[in-house]
Amino acid sequence: MPSDHVDRLTEQWASQRPELDTRPLRISARVVRLQRYLDQRIATTLERFGISEGEVNVLAALRRAGPPHELTPTELYRGLLLSSSAMTHRIDRLEADGLVRRIPDTDDGRRIRVALTDRGREVVDAAMDRTVVSLSAVTDLLDDDEHAVLEELLRRLLAAFERDEAAPGA
């Protein structure tokens, strides 16, 4: 089995603090390091489209919403776990690039909706196609059974965090 950076870290801890149980560190450190590598890969993939991962996440949320591909800014920032001001900044940039437009809410004229433009739909579809291909280069290192096991284990960990966050007083 190949060795990685986390193996070297835990070996150092074992020599200095043999009583320290590094199991949680071994998992979390690998997840954090993988996320950094994945972020770099995604950023590189998205450079050709002139958008950031955060911006493609907004476009993807609108695309996944289905026709007419509209959401309120509140729906967007809650779904993407962003602050209202961060979402406003992303919408401003995407609107300046012609990828989204702000439209009045037909049910409440005081509110706006954010709508995906035709160009925005083309960009997000192409960006998602390239991102999936890029990430497949990583996940294809696993066979189908390994992929399913890893996905289920990660789902269990993530669901626990999401439950804790949704709990009253969290």
N, C-alpha and C. Protein backbone atom coordinates (compact mmCIF):
# COMPACT_ATOMS: atom_id res chain seq x y z
N MET A 1 0.85 -1.17 0.00
CA MET A 1 0.00 0.00 0.00
C MET A 1 0.90 1.24 0.00
N PRO A 2 0.56 2.22 -0.84
CA PRO A 2 1.41 3.42 -0.90
C PRO A 2 1.31 4.25 0.39
N SER A 3 2.36 4.98 0.64
CA SER A 3 2.43 5.86 1.80
C SER A 3 2.08 7.29 1.35
N ASP A 4 1.58 8.09 2.28
CA ASP A 4 1.26 9.48 1.96
C ASP A 4 1.78 10.42 3.04
N HIS A 5 1.54 11.68 2.86
CA HIS A 5 2.00 12.71 3.79
C HIS A 5 1.47 12.47 5.20
N VAL A 6 0.22 12.05 5.31
CA VAL A 6 -0.38 11.83 6.62
C VAL A 6 0.31 10.67 7.34
N ASP A 7 0.73 9.66 6.62
CA ASP A 7 1.49 8.57 7.24
C ASP A 7 2.76 9.12 7.89
N ARG A 8 3.43 10.00 7.19
CA ARG A 8 4.66 10.58 7.74
C ARG A 8 4.37 11.43 8.98
N LEU A 9 3.30 12.19 8.95
CA LEU A 9 2.93 12.98 10.13
C LEU A 9 2.63 12.09 11.34
N THR A 10 1.86 11.06 11.11
CA THR A 10 1.49 10.19 12.23
C THR A 10 2.69 9.39 12.75
N GLU A 11 3.62 9.07 11.87
CA GLU A 11 4.86 8.43 12.34
C GLU A 11 5.63 9.37 13.26
N GLN A 12 5.67 10.64 12.91
CA GLN A 12 6.34 11.62 13.76
C GLN A 12 5.65 11.74 15.11
N TRP A 13 4.31 11.79 15.10
CA TRP A 13 3.58 11.84 16.37
C TRP A 13 3.83 10.59 17.19
N ALA A 14 3.87 9.44 16.53
CA ALA A 14 4.09 8.18 17.25
C ALA A 14 5.45 8.16 17.94
N SER A 15 6.44 8.76 17.30
CA SER A 15 7.77 8.78 17.92
C SER A 15 7.83 9.77 19.09
N GLN A 16 7.05 10.83 19.02
CA GLN A 16 7.08 11.85 20.06
C GLN A 16 6.02 11.64 21.14
N ARG A 17 4.86 11.11 20.74
CA ARG A 17 3.75 10.90 21.66
C ARG A 17 3.09 9.57 21.36
N PRO A 18 3.73 8.46 21.71
CA PRO A 18 3.21 7.14 21.36
C PRO A 18 1.81 6.86 21.93
N GLU A 19 1.44 7.54 23.00
CA GLU A 19 0.13 7.31 23.62
C GLU A 19 -1.01 8.02 22.88
N LEU A 20 -0.68 8.94 21.97
CA LEU A 20 -1.68 9.73 21.26
C LEU A 20 -2.37 8.88 20.19
N ASP A 21 -3.69 8.78 20.29
CA ASP A 21 -4.48 8.05 19.29
C ASP A 21 -4.70 8.97 18.08
N THR A 22 -4.00 8.69 17.00
CA THR A 22 -4.05 9.57 15.83
C THR A 22 -5.10 9.14 14.80
N ARG A 23 -5.94 8.17 15.14
CA ARG A 23 -6.96 7.74 14.16
C ARG A 23 -7.81 8.90 13.66
N PRO A 24 -8.36 9.76 14.54
CA PRO A 24 -9.17 10.87 14.02
C PRO A 24 -8.34 11.82 13.14
N LEU A 25 -7.10 12.06 13.52
CA LEU A 25 -6.21 12.91 12.74
C LEU A 25 -5.95 12.30 11.36
N ARG A 26 -5.74 11.01 11.32
CA ARG A 26 -5.43 10.35 10.04
C ARG A 26 -6.58 10.51 9.05
N ILE A 27 -7.80 10.45 9.53
CA ILE A 27 -8.95 10.62 8.64
C ILE A 27 -9.14 12.08 8.27
N SER A 28 -9.21 12.94 9.27
CA SER A 28 -9.50 14.36 8.98
C SER A 28 -8.38 15.01 8.16
N ALA A 29 -7.14 14.69 8.45
CA ALA A 29 -6.03 15.27 7.69
C ALA A 29 -6.09 14.83 6.23
N ARG A 30 -6.47 13.59 5.99
CA ARG A 30 -6.58 13.12 4.60
C ARG A 30 -7.74 13.82 3.89
N VAL A 31 -8.86 13.99 4.58
CA VAL A 31 -9.99 14.68 3.96
C VAL A 31 -9.61 16.12 3.62
N VAL A 32 -8.94 16.80 4.55
CA VAL A 32 -8.53 18.19 4.32
C VAL A 32 -7.55 18.27 3.16
N ARG A 33 -6.56 17.39 3.14
CA ARG A 33 -5.57 17.43 2.05
C ARG A 33 -6.23 17.09 0.71
N LEU A 34 -7.11 16.10 0.71
CA LEU A 34 -7.83 15.78 -0.53
C LEU A 34 -8.65 16.97 -1.01
N GLN A 35 -9.31 17.65 -0.07
CA GLN A 35 -10.11 18.81 -0.46
C GLN A 35 -9.25 19.88 -1.11
N ARG A 36 -8.06 20.09 -0.58
CA ARG A 36 -7.16 21.09 -1.18
C ARG A 36 -6.77 20.69 -2.60
N TYR A 37 -6.44 19.43 -2.80
CA TYR A 37 -6.10 18.96 -4.15
C TYR A 37 -7.31 19.06 -5.09
N LEU A 38 -8.48 18.69 -4.59
CA LEU A 38 -9.68 18.77 -5.41
C LEU A 38 -10.01 20.22 -5.76
N ASP A 39 -9.87 21.12 -4.79
CA ASP A 39 -10.10 22.55 -5.05
C ASP A 39 -9.17 23.05 -6.16
N GLN A 40 -7.90 22.66 -6.09
CA GLN A 40 -6.95 23.08 -7.12
C GLN A 40 -7.35 22.54 -8.49
N ARG A 41 -7.75 21.28 -8.53
CA ARG A 41 -8.15 20.65 -9.80
C ARG A 41 -9.38 21.35 -10.37
N ILE A 42 -10.36 21.62 -9.52
CA ILE A 42 -11.58 22.28 -9.98
C ILE A 42 -11.28 23.70 -10.45
N ALA A 43 -10.47 24.43 -9.68
CA ALA A 43 -10.11 25.80 -10.08
C ALA A 43 -9.43 25.82 -11.43
N THR A 44 -8.52 24.88 -11.65
CA THR A 44 -7.82 24.80 -12.93
C THR A 44 -8.80 24.48 -14.06
N THR A 45 -9.73 23.58 -13.79
CA THR A 45 -10.74 23.20 -14.79
C THR A 45 -11.62 24.39 -15.14
N LEU A 46 -11.99 25.19 -14.14
CA LEU A 46 -12.93 26.29 -14.36
C LEU A 46 -12.27 27.54 -14.95
N GLU A 47 -10.93 27.62 -14.88
CA GLU A 47 -10.22 28.79 -15.43
C GLU A 47 -10.62 29.06 -16.87
N ARG A 48 -10.77 28.02 -17.65
CA ARG A 48 -11.09 28.19 -19.07
C ARG A 48 -12.44 28.84 -19.28
N PHE A 49 -13.31 28.80 -18.26
CA PHE A 49 -14.64 29.40 -18.37
C PHE A 49 -14.69 30.80 -17.74
N GLY A 50 -13.60 31.21 -17.10
CA GLY A 50 -13.55 32.52 -16.49
C GLY A 50 -14.42 32.67 -15.26
N ILE A 51 -14.71 31.55 -14.59
CA ILE A 51 -15.54 31.61 -13.39
C ILE A 51 -14.87 30.82 -12.27
N SER A 52 -15.24 31.17 -11.05
CA SER A 52 -14.70 30.48 -9.88
C SER A 52 -15.62 29.33 -9.49
N GLU A 53 -15.14 28.51 -8.58
CA GLU A 53 -15.97 27.42 -8.08
C GLU A 53 -17.22 27.98 -7.39
N GLY A 54 -17.06 29.05 -6.63
CA GLY A 54 -18.21 29.66 -5.97
C GLY A 54 -19.25 30.15 -6.95
N GLU A 55 -18.78 30.72 -8.05
CA GLU A 55 -19.71 31.20 -9.07
C GLU A 55 -20.38 30.06 -9.81
N VAL A 56 -19.63 29.01 -10.10
CA VAL A 56 -20.26 27.86 -10.78
C VAL A 56 -21.27 27.20 -9.84
N ASN A 57 -21.04 27.27 -8.54
CA ASN A 57 -22.01 26.71 -7.59
C ASN A 57 -23.35 27.45 -7.67
N VAL A 58 -23.30 28.77 -7.85
CA VAL A 58 -24.53 29.55 -8.00
C VAL A 58 -25.23 29.15 -9.30
N LEU A 59 -24.47 29.10 -10.39
CA LEU A 59 -25.04 28.71 -11.68
C LEU A 59 -25.62 27.30 -11.61
N ALA A 60 -24.92 26.40 -10.95
CA ALA A 60 -25.38 25.01 -10.84
C ALA A 60 -26.66 24.93 -10.02
N ALA A 61 -26.77 25.72 -8.96
CA ALA A 61 -27.99 25.72 -8.15
C ALA A 61 -29.18 26.16 -9.00
N LEU A 62 -28.98 27.19 -9.80
CA LEU A 62 -30.05 27.66 -10.69
C LEU A 62 -30.38 26.60 -11.73
N ARG A 63 -29.37 25.96 -12.28
CA ARG A 63 -29.58 24.93 -13.31
C ARG A 63 -30.34 23.75 -12.75
N ARG A 64 -29.97 23.33 -11.53
CA ARG A 64 -30.62 22.18 -10.90
C ARG A 64 -32.06 22.48 -10.49
N ALA A 65 -32.39 23.77 -10.33
CA ALA A 65 -33.74 24.15 -9.92
C ALA A 65 -34.77 23.81 -11.00
N GLY A 66 -34.30 23.59 -12.20
CA GLY A 66 -35.20 23.26 -13.30
C GLY A 66 -35.87 24.51 -13.85
N PRO A 67 -36.54 24.35 -15.00
CA PRO A 67 -37.19 25.51 -15.61
C PRO A 67 -38.14 26.19 -14.63
N PRO A 68 -38.12 27.48 -14.56
CA PRO A 68 -37.43 28.44 -15.41
C PRO A 68 -36.03 28.81 -14.91
N HIS A 69 -35.41 27.97 -14.09
CA HIS A 69 -34.04 28.18 -13.60
C HIS A 69 -33.90 29.49 -12.84
N GLU A 70 -34.78 29.67 -11.86
CA GLU A 70 -34.80 30.87 -11.03
C GLU A 70 -34.86 30.49 -9.56
N LEU A 71 -34.20 31.29 -8.74
CA LEU A 71 -34.29 31.18 -7.28
C LEU A 71 -34.19 32.57 -6.69
N THR A 72 -34.62 32.72 -5.46
CA THR A 72 -34.41 34.00 -4.78
C THR A 72 -32.99 34.02 -4.24
N PRO A 73 -32.44 35.21 -4.02
CA PRO A 73 -31.12 35.28 -3.40
C PRO A 73 -31.07 34.55 -2.06
N THR A 74 -32.15 34.61 -1.30
CA THR A 74 -32.20 33.91 -0.01
C THR A 74 -32.10 32.41 -0.21
N GLU A 75 -32.83 31.87 -1.17
CA GLU A 75 -32.74 30.43 -1.45
C GLU A 75 -31.32 30.06 -1.85
N LEU A 76 -30.70 30.91 -2.63
CA LEU A 76 -29.33 30.64 -3.07
C LEU A 76 -28.36 30.66 -1.90
N TYR A 77 -28.37 31.71 -1.07
CA TYR A 77 -27.36 31.78 -0.02
C TYR A 77 -27.58 30.73 1.05
N ARG A 78 -28.83 30.39 1.32
CA ARG A 78 -29.09 29.31 2.30
C ARG A 78 -28.64 27.96 1.75
N GLY A 79 -28.94 27.72 0.50
CA GLY A 79 -28.56 26.44 -0.11
C GLY A 79 -27.07 26.26 -0.26
N LEU A 80 -26.36 27.37 -0.42
CA LEU A 80 -24.91 27.31 -0.63
C LEU A 80 -24.12 27.65 0.63
N LEU A 81 -24.83 27.85 1.75
CA LEU A 81 -24.20 28.14 3.05
C LEU A 81 -23.30 29.37 2.98
N LEU A 82 -23.85 30.44 2.40
CA LEU A 82 -23.12 31.70 2.28
C LEU A 82 -23.84 32.79 3.05
N SER A 83 -23.14 33.88 3.29
CA SER A 83 -23.79 35.06 3.85
C SER A 83 -24.54 35.77 2.73
N SER A 84 -25.46 36.62 3.12
CA SER A 84 -26.22 37.40 2.16
C SER A 84 -25.29 38.29 1.33
N SER A 85 -24.31 38.91 1.99
CA SER A 85 -23.40 39.80 1.26
C SER A 85 -22.51 39.04 0.28
N ALA A 86 -22.06 37.85 0.67
CA ALA A 86 -21.25 37.04 -0.25
C ALA A 86 -22.07 36.64 -1.48
N MET A 87 -23.33 36.31 -1.25
CA MET A 87 -24.19 35.94 -2.38
C MET A 87 -24.43 37.14 -3.28
N THR A 88 -24.66 38.30 -2.70
CA THR A 88 -24.86 39.51 -3.50
C THR A 88 -23.65 39.76 -4.39
N HIS A 89 -22.46 39.61 -3.83
CA HIS A 89 -21.23 39.81 -4.62
C HIS A 89 -21.16 38.83 -5.79
N ARG A 90 -21.47 37.57 -5.54
CA ARG A 90 -21.43 36.57 -6.62
C ARG A 90 -22.46 36.88 -7.69
N ILE A 91 -23.67 37.24 -7.25
CA ILE A 91 -24.72 37.55 -8.23
C ILE A 91 -24.31 38.77 -9.06
N ASP A 92 -23.74 39.78 -8.41
CA ASP A 92 -23.29 40.97 -9.14
C ASP A 92 -22.29 40.59 -10.23
N ARG A 93 -21.32 39.76 -9.89
CA ARG A 93 -20.29 39.38 -10.86
C ARG A 93 -20.89 38.55 -12.00
N LEU A 94 -21.76 37.59 -11.65
CA LEU A 94 -22.38 36.75 -12.68
C LEU A 94 -23.30 37.56 -13.58
N GLU A 95 -23.98 38.55 -13.00
CA GLU A 95 -24.85 39.41 -13.80
C GLU A 95 -24.01 40.28 -14.74
N ALA A 96 -22.90 40.80 -14.25
CA ALA A 96 -22.01 41.62 -15.09
C ALA A 96 -21.47 40.81 -16.27
N ASP A 97 -21.29 39.51 -16.06
CA ASP A 97 -20.80 38.63 -17.12
C ASP A 97 -21.93 38.09 -18.01
N GLY A 98 -23.16 38.48 -17.73
CA GLY A 98 -24.30 38.04 -18.54
C GLY A 98 -24.71 36.61 -18.31
N LEU A 99 -24.36 36.04 -17.17
CA LEU A 99 -24.68 34.64 -16.89
C LEU A 99 -25.97 34.48 -16.09
N VAL A 100 -26.35 35.53 -15.36
CA VAL A 100 -27.63 35.56 -14.64
C VAL A 100 -28.24 36.94 -14.82
N ARG A 101 -29.51 37.04 -14.51
CA ARG A 101 -30.15 38.36 -14.48
C ARG A 101 -31.10 38.40 -13.28
N ARG A 102 -31.26 39.58 -12.77
CA ARG A 102 -32.22 39.80 -11.68
C ARG A 102 -33.56 40.17 -12.32
N ILE A 103 -34.62 39.53 -11.84
CA ILE A 103 -35.96 39.83 -12.36
C ILE A 103 -36.91 40.01 -11.18
N PRO A 104 -37.96 40.80 -11.37
CA PRO A 104 -38.93 40.97 -10.28
C PRO A 104 -39.65 39.66 -9.99
N ASP A 105 -39.95 39.44 -8.73
CA ASP A 105 -40.73 38.26 -8.33
C ASP A 105 -42.18 38.54 -8.70
N THR A 106 -42.80 37.65 -9.44
CA THR A 106 -44.17 37.88 -9.89
C THR A 106 -45.17 37.81 -8.74
N ASP A 107 -44.82 37.11 -7.66
CA ASP A 107 -45.73 37.00 -6.51
C ASP A 107 -45.56 38.14 -5.52
N ASP A 108 -44.38 38.75 -5.48
CA ASP A 108 -44.10 39.81 -4.52
C ASP A 108 -43.16 40.81 -5.18
N GLY A 109 -43.69 41.92 -5.64
CA GLY A 109 -42.91 42.90 -6.37
C GLY A 109 -41.76 43.51 -5.58
N ARG A 110 -41.73 43.31 -4.25
CA ARG A 110 -40.63 43.84 -3.44
C ARG A 110 -39.41 42.94 -3.51
N ARG A 111 -39.61 41.71 -3.94
CA ARG A 111 -38.50 40.75 -4.00
C ARG A 111 -38.02 40.59 -5.43
N ILE A 112 -36.80 40.08 -5.53
CA ILE A 112 -36.27 39.74 -6.85
C ILE A 112 -35.98 38.25 -6.90
N ARG A 113 -35.82 37.78 -8.09
CA ARG A 113 -35.40 36.41 -8.34
C ARG A 113 -34.14 36.50 -9.19
N VAL A 114 -33.33 35.49 -9.10
CA VAL A 114 -32.13 35.41 -9.93
C VAL A 114 -32.40 34.32 -10.96
N ALA A 115 -32.25 34.68 -12.22
CA ALA A 115 -32.55 33.75 -13.31
C ALA A 115 -31.29 33.47 -14.11
N LEU A 116 -31.13 32.23 -14.49
CA LEU A 116 -30.03 31.80 -15.35
C LEU A 116 -30.32 32.27 -16.77
N THR A 117 -29.35 32.92 -17.40
CA THR A 117 -29.52 33.31 -18.81
C THR A 117 -29.17 32.11 -19.69
N ASP A 118 -29.50 32.23 -20.97
CA ASP A 118 -29.13 31.17 -21.91
C ASP A 118 -27.62 30.96 -21.90
N ARG A 119 -26.89 32.07 -21.89
CA ARG A 119 -25.41 31.98 -21.86
C ARG A 119 -24.96 31.31 -20.55
N GLY A 120 -25.60 31.66 -19.44
CA GLY A 120 -25.27 31.05 -18.16
C GLY A 120 -25.50 29.55 -18.18
N ARG A 121 -26.59 29.14 -18.82
CA ARG A 121 -26.88 27.70 -18.93
C ARG A 121 -25.81 26.99 -19.76
N GLU A 122 -25.40 27.60 -20.85
CA GLU A 122 -24.35 27.01 -21.68
C GLU A 122 -23.05 26.88 -20.90
N VAL A 123 -22.70 27.94 -20.16
CA VAL A 123 -21.45 27.94 -19.39
C VAL A 123 -21.49 26.89 -18.29
N VAL A 124 -22.58 26.84 -17.53
CA VAL A 124 -22.63 25.88 -16.41
C VAL A 124 -22.66 24.44 -16.94
N ASP A 125 -23.35 24.21 -18.03
CA ASP A 125 -23.37 22.85 -18.58
C ASP A 125 -21.97 22.43 -19.04
N ALA A 126 -21.29 23.31 -19.74
CA ALA A 126 -19.93 22.99 -20.21
C ALA A 126 -18.97 22.84 -19.03
N ALA A 127 -19.10 23.73 -18.04
CA ALA A 127 -18.22 23.66 -16.86
C ALA A 127 -18.45 22.38 -16.08
N MET A 128 -19.69 21.97 -15.93
CA MET A 128 -19.98 20.73 -15.21
C MET A 128 -19.47 19.52 -15.98
N ASP A 129 -19.62 19.53 -17.29
CA ASP A 129 -19.10 18.42 -18.10
C ASP A 129 -17.58 18.28 -17.89
N ARG A 130 -16.86 19.41 -17.96
CA ARG A 130 -15.40 19.37 -17.79
C ARG A 130 -15.01 18.99 -16.37
N THR A 131 -15.75 19.47 -15.40
CA THR A 131 -15.45 19.17 -14.00
C THR A 131 -15.62 17.68 -13.73
N VAL A 132 -16.68 17.10 -14.24
CA VAL A 132 -16.91 15.66 -14.04
C VAL A 132 -15.79 14.85 -14.68
N VAL A 133 -15.36 15.23 -15.86
CA VAL A 133 -14.26 14.53 -16.52
C VAL A 133 -12.98 14.67 -15.69
N SER A 134 -12.72 15.87 -15.22
CA SER A 134 -11.51 16.12 -14.43
C SER A 134 -11.51 15.32 -13.13
N LEU A 135 -12.64 15.31 -12.44
CA LEU A 135 -12.72 14.57 -11.17
C LEU A 135 -12.73 13.05 -11.38
N SER A 136 -13.20 12.62 -12.55
CA SER A 136 -13.18 11.19 -12.85
C SER A 136 -11.76 10.65 -12.90
N ALA A 137 -10.83 11.49 -13.29
CA ALA A 137 -9.43 11.07 -13.32
C ALA A 137 -8.96 10.67 -11.93
N VAL A 138 -9.56 11.25 -10.91
CA VAL A 138 -9.22 10.91 -9.52
C VAL A 138 -10.04 9.71 -9.05
N THR A 139 -11.35 9.80 -9.20
CA THR A 139 -12.21 8.74 -8.65
C THR A 139 -12.10 7.44 -9.42
N ASP A 140 -11.64 7.48 -10.66
CA ASP A 140 -11.46 6.24 -11.43
C ASP A 140 -10.32 5.38 -10.89
N LEU A 141 -9.57 5.91 -9.94
CA LEU A 141 -8.54 5.10 -9.27
C LEU A 141 -9.18 4.01 -8.40
N LEU A 142 -10.47 4.17 -8.11
CA LEU A 142 -11.21 3.21 -7.29
C LEU A 142 -12.07 2.34 -8.19
N ASP A 143 -12.21 1.07 -7.81
CA ASP A 143 -13.15 0.24 -8.57
C ASP A 143 -14.57 0.56 -8.08
N ASP A 144 -15.56 -0.02 -8.72
CA ASP A 144 -16.96 0.31 -8.40
C ASP A 144 -17.30 0.04 -6.94
N ASP A 145 -16.84 -1.09 -6.40
CA ASP A 145 -17.14 -1.41 -5.00
C ASP A 145 -16.46 -0.43 -4.05
N GLU A 146 -15.20 -0.09 -4.32
CA GLU A 146 -14.49 0.87 -3.47
C GLU A 146 -15.16 2.24 -3.54
N HIS A 147 -15.57 2.62 -4.72
CA HIS A 147 -16.25 3.90 -4.89
C HIS A 147 -17.52 3.94 -4.04
N ALA A 148 -18.30 2.87 -4.11
CA ALA A 148 -19.56 2.81 -3.35
C ALA A 148 -19.30 2.85 -1.85
N VAL A 149 -18.29 2.12 -1.38
CA VAL A 149 -17.96 2.10 0.05
C VAL A 149 -17.49 3.48 0.51
N LEU A 150 -16.59 4.10 -0.24
CA LEU A 150 -16.10 5.42 0.15
C LEU A 150 -17.24 6.43 0.15
N GLU A 151 -18.07 6.39 -0.86
CA GLU A 151 -19.20 7.32 -0.92
C GLU A 151 -20.12 7.15 0.29
N GLU A 152 -20.42 5.92 0.66
CA GLU A 152 -21.29 5.68 1.81
C GLU A 152 -20.64 6.13 3.11
N LEU A 153 -19.37 5.88 3.30
CA LEU A 153 -18.69 6.31 4.52
C LEU A 153 -18.65 7.84 4.62
N LEU A 154 -18.35 8.50 3.52
CA LEU A 154 -18.34 9.96 3.53
C LEU A 154 -19.75 10.51 3.77
N ARG A 155 -20.76 9.86 3.19
CA ARG A 155 -22.15 10.28 3.41
C ARG A 155 -22.50 10.20 4.90
N ARG A 156 -22.10 9.13 5.56
CA ARG A 156 -22.39 8.98 6.99
C ARG A 156 -21.74 10.08 7.81
N LEU A 157 -20.48 10.40 7.51
CA LEU A 157 -19.80 11.46 8.25
C LEU A 157 -20.45 12.82 7.98
N LEU A 158 -20.73 13.12 6.73
CA LEU A 158 -21.33 14.39 6.39
C LEU A 158 -22.73 14.52 6.99
N ALA A 159 -23.51 13.46 6.93
CA ALA A 159 -24.87 13.50 7.50
C ALA A 159 -24.83 13.78 8.99
N ALA A 160 -23.84 13.26 9.68
CA ALA A 160 -23.71 13.52 11.12
C ALA A 160 -23.46 15.00 11.37
N PHE A 161 -22.57 15.62 10.59
CA PHE A 161 -22.32 17.05 10.73
C PHE A 161 -23.58 17.86 10.41
N GLU A 162 -24.27 17.46 9.36
CA GLU A 162 -25.48 18.20 8.96
C GLU A 162 -26.57 18.08 10.01
N ARG A 163 -26.70 16.92 10.63
CA ARG A 163 -27.68 16.74 11.73
C ARG A 163 -27.33 17.63 12.90
N ASP A 164 -26.04 17.65 13.26
CA ASP A 164 -25.60 18.49 14.37
C ASP A 164 -25.86 19.96 14.09
N GLU A 165 -25.62 20.39 12.87
CA GLU A 165 -25.82 21.79 12.51
C GLU A 165 -27.31 22.16 12.53
N ALA A 166 -28.17 21.22 12.14
CA ALA A 166 -29.60 21.48 12.08
C ALA A 166 -30.26 21.38 13.46
N ALA A 167 -29.55 20.80 14.44
CA ALA A 167 -30.15 20.62 15.77
C ALA A 167 -30.39 21.97 16.44
N PRO A 168 -31.49 22.07 17.18
CA PRO A 168 -31.75 23.32 17.89
C PRO A 168 -30.59 23.69 18.81
N GLY A 169 -30.23 24.96 18.80
CA GLY A 169 -29.13 25.42 19.64
C GLY A 169 -27.77 25.19 19.05
N ALA A 170 -27.72 24.64 17.84
CA ALA A 170 -26.42 24.36 17.22
C ALA A 170 -25.80 25.61 16.67
